[in-house]
Amino acid sequence: MPIPGYDEDDLDEMLEQRLEERNDDSFLTPRQRERYENGDSLLDILDEDDIHRLLD
């Protein structure tokens, strides 16, 4: 999900940090976790609502 004015790599790193800080295994579904572990970007995996929730 491209966000104008922001570097996607920076946003993805920020989401990864927030996900690690939460240490919440229930945040990602098993399928999303598998995609993430296989190298997919969190920006591609998560929908807009999930991204906002993770950043709050």
PDB file of N, CA and C in Angstrom:
ATOM      1  N   MET A   1       0.852  -1.168   0.000  1.00  0.00           N
ATOM      2  CA  MET A   1       0.000   0.000   0.000  1.00  0.00           C
ATOM      3  C   MET A   1       0.902   1.237   0.000  1.00  0.00           C
ATOM      4  N   PRO A   2       1.143   1.844  -1.134  1.00  0.00           N
ATOM      5  CA  PRO A   2       1.983   3.036  -1.205  1.00  0.00           C
ATOM      6  C   PRO A   2       1.347   4.223  -0.476  1.00  0.00           C
ATOM      7  N   ILE A   3       2.176   4.962   0.226  1.00  0.00           N
ATOM      8  CA  ILE A   3       1.713   6.152   0.928  1.00  0.00           C
ATOM      9  C   ILE A   3       2.525   7.321   0.400  1.00  0.00           C
ATOM     10  N   PRO A   4       1.887   8.245  -0.323  1.00  0.00           N
ATOM     11  CA  PRO A   4       2.622   9.362  -0.918  1.00  0.00           C
ATOM     12  C   PRO A   4       3.415  10.151   0.122  1.00  0.00           C
ATOM     13  N   GLY A   5       4.655  10.478  -0.236  1.00  0.00           N
ATOM     14  CA  GLY A   5       5.484  11.299   0.630  1.00  0.00           C
ATOM     15  C   GLY A   5       6.294  10.529   1.653  1.00  0.00           C
ATOM     16  N   TYR A   6       6.167   9.216   1.667  1.00  0.00           N
ATOM     17  CA  TYR A   6       6.897   8.404   2.639  1.00  0.00           C
ATOM     18  C   TYR A   6       7.678   7.317   1.919  1.00  0.00           C
ATOM     19  N   ASP A   7       8.855   7.032   2.424  1.00  0.00           N
ATOM     20  CA  ASP A   7       9.669   5.949   1.885  1.00  0.00           C
ATOM     21  C   ASP A   7       9.101   4.624   2.398  1.00  0.00           C
ATOM     22  N   GLU A   8       8.760   3.737   1.485  1.00  0.00           N
ATOM     23  CA  GLU A   8       8.135   2.473   1.873  1.00  0.00           C
ATOM     24  C   GLU A   8       9.035   1.638   2.768  1.00  0.00           C
ATOM     25  N   ASP A   9      10.347   1.662   2.526  1.00  0.00           N
ATOM     26  CA  ASP A   9      11.267   0.892   3.366  1.00  0.00           C
ATOM     27  C   ASP A   9      11.279   1.420   4.791  1.00  0.00           C
ATOM     28  N   ASP A  10      11.251   2.738   4.942  1.00  0.00           N
ATOM     29  CA  ASP A  10      11.217   3.330   6.280  1.00  0.00           C
ATOM     30  C   ASP A  10       9.923   2.975   7.007  1.00  0.00           C
ATOM     31  N   LEU A  11       8.810   3.040   6.292  1.00  0.00           N
ATOM     32  CA  LEU A  11       7.531   2.689   6.901  1.00  0.00           C
ATOM     33  C   LEU A  11       7.503   1.226   7.303  1.00  0.00           C
ATOM     34  N   ASP A  12       8.036   0.365   6.457  1.00  0.00           N
ATOM     35  CA  ASP A  12       8.045  -1.057   6.758  1.00  0.00           C
ATOM     36  C   ASP A  12       8.918  -1.335   7.989  1.00  0.00           C
ATOM     37  N   GLU A  13      10.060  -0.666   8.084  1.00  0.00           N
ATOM     38  CA  GLU A  13      10.927  -0.826   9.255  1.00  0.00           C
ATOM     39  C   GLU A  13      10.216  -0.356  10.521  1.00  0.00           C
ATOM     40  N   MET A  14       9.484   0.750  10.428  1.00  0.00           N
ATOM     41  CA  MET A  14       8.747   1.267  11.570  1.00  0.00           C
ATOM     42  C   MET A  14       7.678   0.265  12.016  1.00  0.00           C
ATOM     43  N   LEU A  15       6.981  -0.318  11.051  1.00  0.00           N
ATOM     44  CA  LEU A  15       5.963  -1.311  11.381  1.00  0.00           C
ATOM     45  C   LEU A  15       6.597  -2.543  12.022  1.00  0.00           C
ATOM     46  N   GLU A  16       7.742  -2.969  11.509  1.00  0.00           N
ATOM     47  CA  GLU A  16       8.441  -4.116  12.085  1.00  0.00           C
ATOM     48  C   GLU A  16       8.832  -3.838  13.536  1.00  0.00           C
ATOM     49  N   GLN A  17       9.333  -2.638  13.801  1.00  0.00           N
ATOM     50  CA  GLN A  17       9.712  -2.266  15.167  1.00  0.00           C
ATOM     51  C   GLN A  17       8.501  -2.287  16.095  1.00  0.00           C
ATOM     52  N   ARG A  18       7.403  -1.726  15.625  1.00  0.00           N
ATOM     53  CA  ARG A  18       6.187  -1.689  16.448  1.00  0.00           C
ATOM     54  C   ARG A  18       5.665  -3.098  16.716  1.00  0.00           C
ATOM     55  N   LEU A  19       5.749  -3.956  15.705  1.00  0.00           N
ATOM     56  CA  LEU A  19       5.298  -5.332  15.866  1.00  0.00           C
ATOM     57  C   LEU A  19       6.158  -6.052  16.906  1.00  0.00           C
ATOM     58  N   GLU A  20       7.471  -5.826  16.851  1.00  0.00           N
ATOM     59  CA  GLU A  20       8.373  -6.438  17.826  1.00  0.00           C
ATOM     60  C   GLU A  20       8.126  -5.882  19.225  1.00  0.00           C
ATOM     61  N   GLU A  21       7.888  -4.579  19.333  1.00  0.00           N
ATOM     62  CA  GLU A  21       7.625  -3.956  20.630  1.00  0.00           C
ATOM     63  C   GLU A  21       6.368  -4.527  21.276  1.00  0.00           C
ATOM     64  N   ARG A  22       5.374  -4.758  20.476  1.00  0.00           N
ATOM     65  CA  ARG A  22       4.112  -5.298  21.001  1.00  0.00           C
ATOM     66  C   ARG A  22       4.263  -6.745  21.427  1.00  0.00           C
ATOM     67  N   ASN A  23       5.153  -7.461  20.742  1.00  0.00           N
ATOM     68  CA  ASN A  23       5.378  -8.874  21.047  1.00  0.00           C
ATOM     69  C   ASN A  23       4.044  -9.601  21.182  1.00  0.00           C
ATOM     70  N   ASP A  24       3.164  -9.336  20.244  1.00  0.00           N
ATOM     71  CA  ASP A  24       1.799  -9.857  20.262  1.00  0.00           C
ATOM     72  C   ASP A  24       1.620 -10.820  19.092  1.00  0.00           C
ATOM     73  N   ASP A  25       1.683 -12.106  19.390  1.00  0.00           N
ATOM     74  CA  ASP A  25       1.565 -13.113  18.340  1.00  0.00           C
ATOM     75  C   ASP A  25       0.184 -13.128  17.700  1.00  0.00           C
ATOM     76  N   SER A  26      -0.799 -12.537  18.350  1.00  0.00           N
ATOM     77  CA  SER A  26      -2.145 -12.549  17.795  1.00  0.00           C
ATOM     78  C   SER A  26      -2.374 -11.416  16.796  1.00  0.00           C
ATOM     79  N   PHE A  27      -1.399 -10.509  16.652  1.00  0.00           N
ATOM     80  CA  PHE A  27      -1.601  -9.387  15.744  1.00  0.00           C
ATOM     81  C   PHE A  27      -1.674  -9.844  14.289  1.00  0.00           C
ATOM     82  N   LEU A  28      -0.797 -10.779  13.904  1.00  0.00           N
ATOM     83  CA  LEU A  28      -0.801 -11.330  12.548  1.00  0.00           C
ATOM     84  C   LEU A  28      -1.477 -12.693  12.553  1.00  0.00           C
ATOM     85  N   THR A  29      -2.262 -12.946  11.529  1.00  0.00           N
ATOM     86  CA  THR A  29      -2.837 -14.280  11.379  1.00  0.00           C
ATOM     87  C   THR A  29      -1.706 -15.240  11.014  1.00  0.00           C
ATOM     88  N   PRO A  30      -1.920 -16.536  11.157  1.00  0.00           N
ATOM     89  CA  PRO A  30      -0.872 -17.488  10.765  1.00  0.00           C
ATOM     90  C   PRO A  30      -0.430 -17.307   9.307  1.00  0.00           C
ATOM     91  N   ARG A  31      -1.375 -17.044   8.426  1.00  0.00           N
ATOM     92  CA  ARG A  31      -1.038 -16.832   7.008  1.00  0.00           C
ATOM     93  C   ARG A  31      -0.217 -15.555   6.828  1.00  0.00           C
ATOM     94  N   GLN A  32      -0.593 -14.484   7.521  1.00  0.00           N
ATOM     95  CA  GLN A  32       0.170 -13.234   7.441  1.00  0.00           C
ATOM     96  C   GLN A  32       1.574 -13.438   8.008  1.00  0.00           C
ATOM     97  N   ARG A  33       1.679 -14.152   9.119  1.00  0.00           N
ATOM     98  CA  ARG A  33       2.977 -14.433   9.734  1.00  0.00           C
ATOM     99  C   ARG A  33       3.863 -15.198   8.755  1.00  0.00           C
ATOM    100  N   GLU A  34       3.275 -16.179   8.073  1.00  0.00           N
ATOM    101  CA  GLU A  34       4.027 -16.974   7.090  1.00  0.00           C
ATOM    102  C   GLU A  34       4.530 -16.086   5.951  1.00  0.00           C
ATOM    103  N   ARG A  35       3.677 -15.224   5.441  1.00  0.00           N
ATOM    104  CA  ARG A  35       4.075 -14.299   4.367  1.00  0.00           C
ATOM    105  C   ARG A  35       5.196 -13.387   4.833  1.00  0.00           C
ATOM    106  N   TYR A  36       5.074 -12.871   6.071  1.00  0.00           N
ATOM    107  CA  TYR A  36       6.087 -11.981   6.636  1.00  0.00           C
ATOM    108  C   TYR A  36       7.424 -12.711   6.775  1.00  0.00           C
ATOM    109  N   GLU A  37       7.384 -13.923   7.281  1.00  0.00           N
ATOM    110  CA  GLU A  37       8.606 -14.708   7.452  1.00  0.00           C
ATOM    111  C   GLU A  37       9.233 -15.098   6.111  1.00  0.00           C
ATOM    112  N   ASN A  38       8.433 -15.119   5.059  1.00  0.00           N
ATOM    113  CA  ASN A  38       8.933 -15.430   3.720  1.00  0.00           C
ATOM    114  C   ASN A  38       9.391 -14.185   2.969  1.00  0.00           C
ATOM    115  N   GLY A  39       9.401 -13.037   3.659  1.00  0.00           N
ATOM    116  CA  GLY A  39       9.974 -11.835   3.071  1.00  0.00           C
ATOM    117  C   GLY A  39       9.013 -10.790   2.556  1.00  0.00           C
ATOM    118  N   ASP A  40       7.703 -11.022   2.674  1.00  0.00           N
ATOM    119  CA  ASP A  40       6.745 -10.002   2.246  1.00  0.00           C
ATOM    120  C   ASP A  40       6.785  -8.814   3.196  1.00  0.00           C
ATOM    121  N   SER A  41       6.561  -7.646   2.664  1.00  0.00           N
ATOM    122  CA  SER A  41       6.540  -6.411   3.436  1.00  0.00           C
ATOM    123  C   SER A  41       5.259  -6.339   4.266  1.00  0.00           C
ATOM    124  N   LEU A  42       5.382  -5.789   5.452  1.00  0.00           N
ATOM    125  CA  LEU A  42       4.180  -5.580   6.269  1.00  0.00           C
ATOM    126  C   LEU A  42       3.210  -4.633   5.583  1.00  0.00           C
ATOM    127  N   LEU A  43       3.728  -3.730   4.767  1.00  0.00           N
ATOM    128  CA  LEU A  43       2.851  -2.825   4.020  1.00  0.00           C
ATOM    129  C   LEU A  43       1.987  -3.588   3.026  1.00  0.00           C
ATOM    130  N   ASP A  44       2.490  -4.699   2.534  1.00  0.00           N
ATOM    131  CA  ASP A  44       1.722  -5.524   1.599  1.00  0.00           C
ATOM    132  C   ASP A  44       0.779  -6.477   2.318  1.00  0.00           C
ATOM    133  N   ILE A  45       1.150  -6.868   3.513  1.00  0.00           N
ATOM    134  CA  ILE A  45       0.385  -7.859   4.260  1.00  0.00           C
ATOM    135  C   ILE A  45      -0.802  -7.237   4.988  1.00  0.00           C
ATOM    136  N   LEU A  46      -0.556  -6.105   5.632  1.00  0.00           N
ATOM    137  CA  LEU A  46      -1.572  -5.491   6.482  1.00  0.00           C
ATOM    138  C   LEU A  46      -2.476  -4.554   5.698  1.00  0.00           C
ATOM    139  N   ASP A  47      -3.723  -4.468   6.133  1.00  0.00           N
ATOM    140  CA  ASP A  47      -4.615  -3.487   5.513  1.00  0.00           C
ATOM    141  C   ASP A  47      -4.466  -2.155   6.262  1.00  0.00           C
ATOM    142  N   GLU A  48      -5.099  -1.141   5.753  1.00  0.00           N
ATOM    143  CA  GLU A  48      -4.944   0.210   6.300  1.00  0.00           C
ATOM    144  C   GLU A  48      -5.315   0.275   7.779  1.00  0.00           C
ATOM    145  N   ASP A  49      -6.410  -0.379   8.163  1.00  0.00           N
ATOM    146  CA  ASP A  49      -6.846  -0.359   9.562  1.00  0.00           C
ATOM    147  C   ASP A  49      -5.810  -1.015  10.475  1.00  0.00           C
ATOM    148  N   ASP A  50      -5.237  -2.136  10.034  1.00  0.00           N
ATOM    149  CA  ASP A  50      -4.217  -2.816  10.829  1.00  0.00           C
ATOM    150  C   ASP A  50      -2.973  -1.949  10.994  1.00  0.00           C
ATOM    151  N   ILE A  51      -2.599  -1.251   9.941  1.00  0.00           N
ATOM    152  CA  ILE A  51      -1.420  -0.380  10.002  1.00  0.00           C
ATOM    153  C   ILE A  51      -1.668   0.731  11.014  1.00  0.00           C
ATOM    154  N   HIS A  52      -2.833   1.353  10.963  1.00  0.00           N
ATOM    155  CA  HIS A  52      -3.170   2.418  11.920  1.00  0.00           C
ATOM    156  C   HIS A  52      -3.189   1.882  13.351  1.00  0.00           C
ATOM    157  N   ARG A  53      -3.755   0.717  13.520  1.00  0.00           N
ATOM    158  CA  ARG A  53      -3.817   0.110  14.850  1.00  0.00           C
ATOM    159  C   ARG A  53      -2.422  -0.190  15.389  1.00  0.00           C
ATOM    160  N   LEU A  54      -1.542  -0.654  14.526  1.00  0.00           N
ATOM    161  CA  LEU A  54      -0.182  -0.970  14.936  1.00  0.00           C
ATOM    162  C   LEU A  54       0.607   0.286  15.271  1.00  0.00           C
ATOM    163  N   LEU A  55       0.348   1.382  14.577  1.00  0.00           N
ATOM    164  CA  LEU A  55       1.069   2.620  14.817  1.00  0.00           C
ATOM    165  C   LEU A  55       0.525   3.422  15.992  1.00  0.00           C
ATOM    166  N   ASP A  56      -0.703   3.135  16.435  1.00  0.00           N
ATOM    167  CA  ASP A  56      -1.281   3.859  17.590  1.00  0.00           C
ATOM    168  C   ASP A  56      -0.666   3.407  18.875  1.00  0.00           C
TER     169      ASP A  56
END
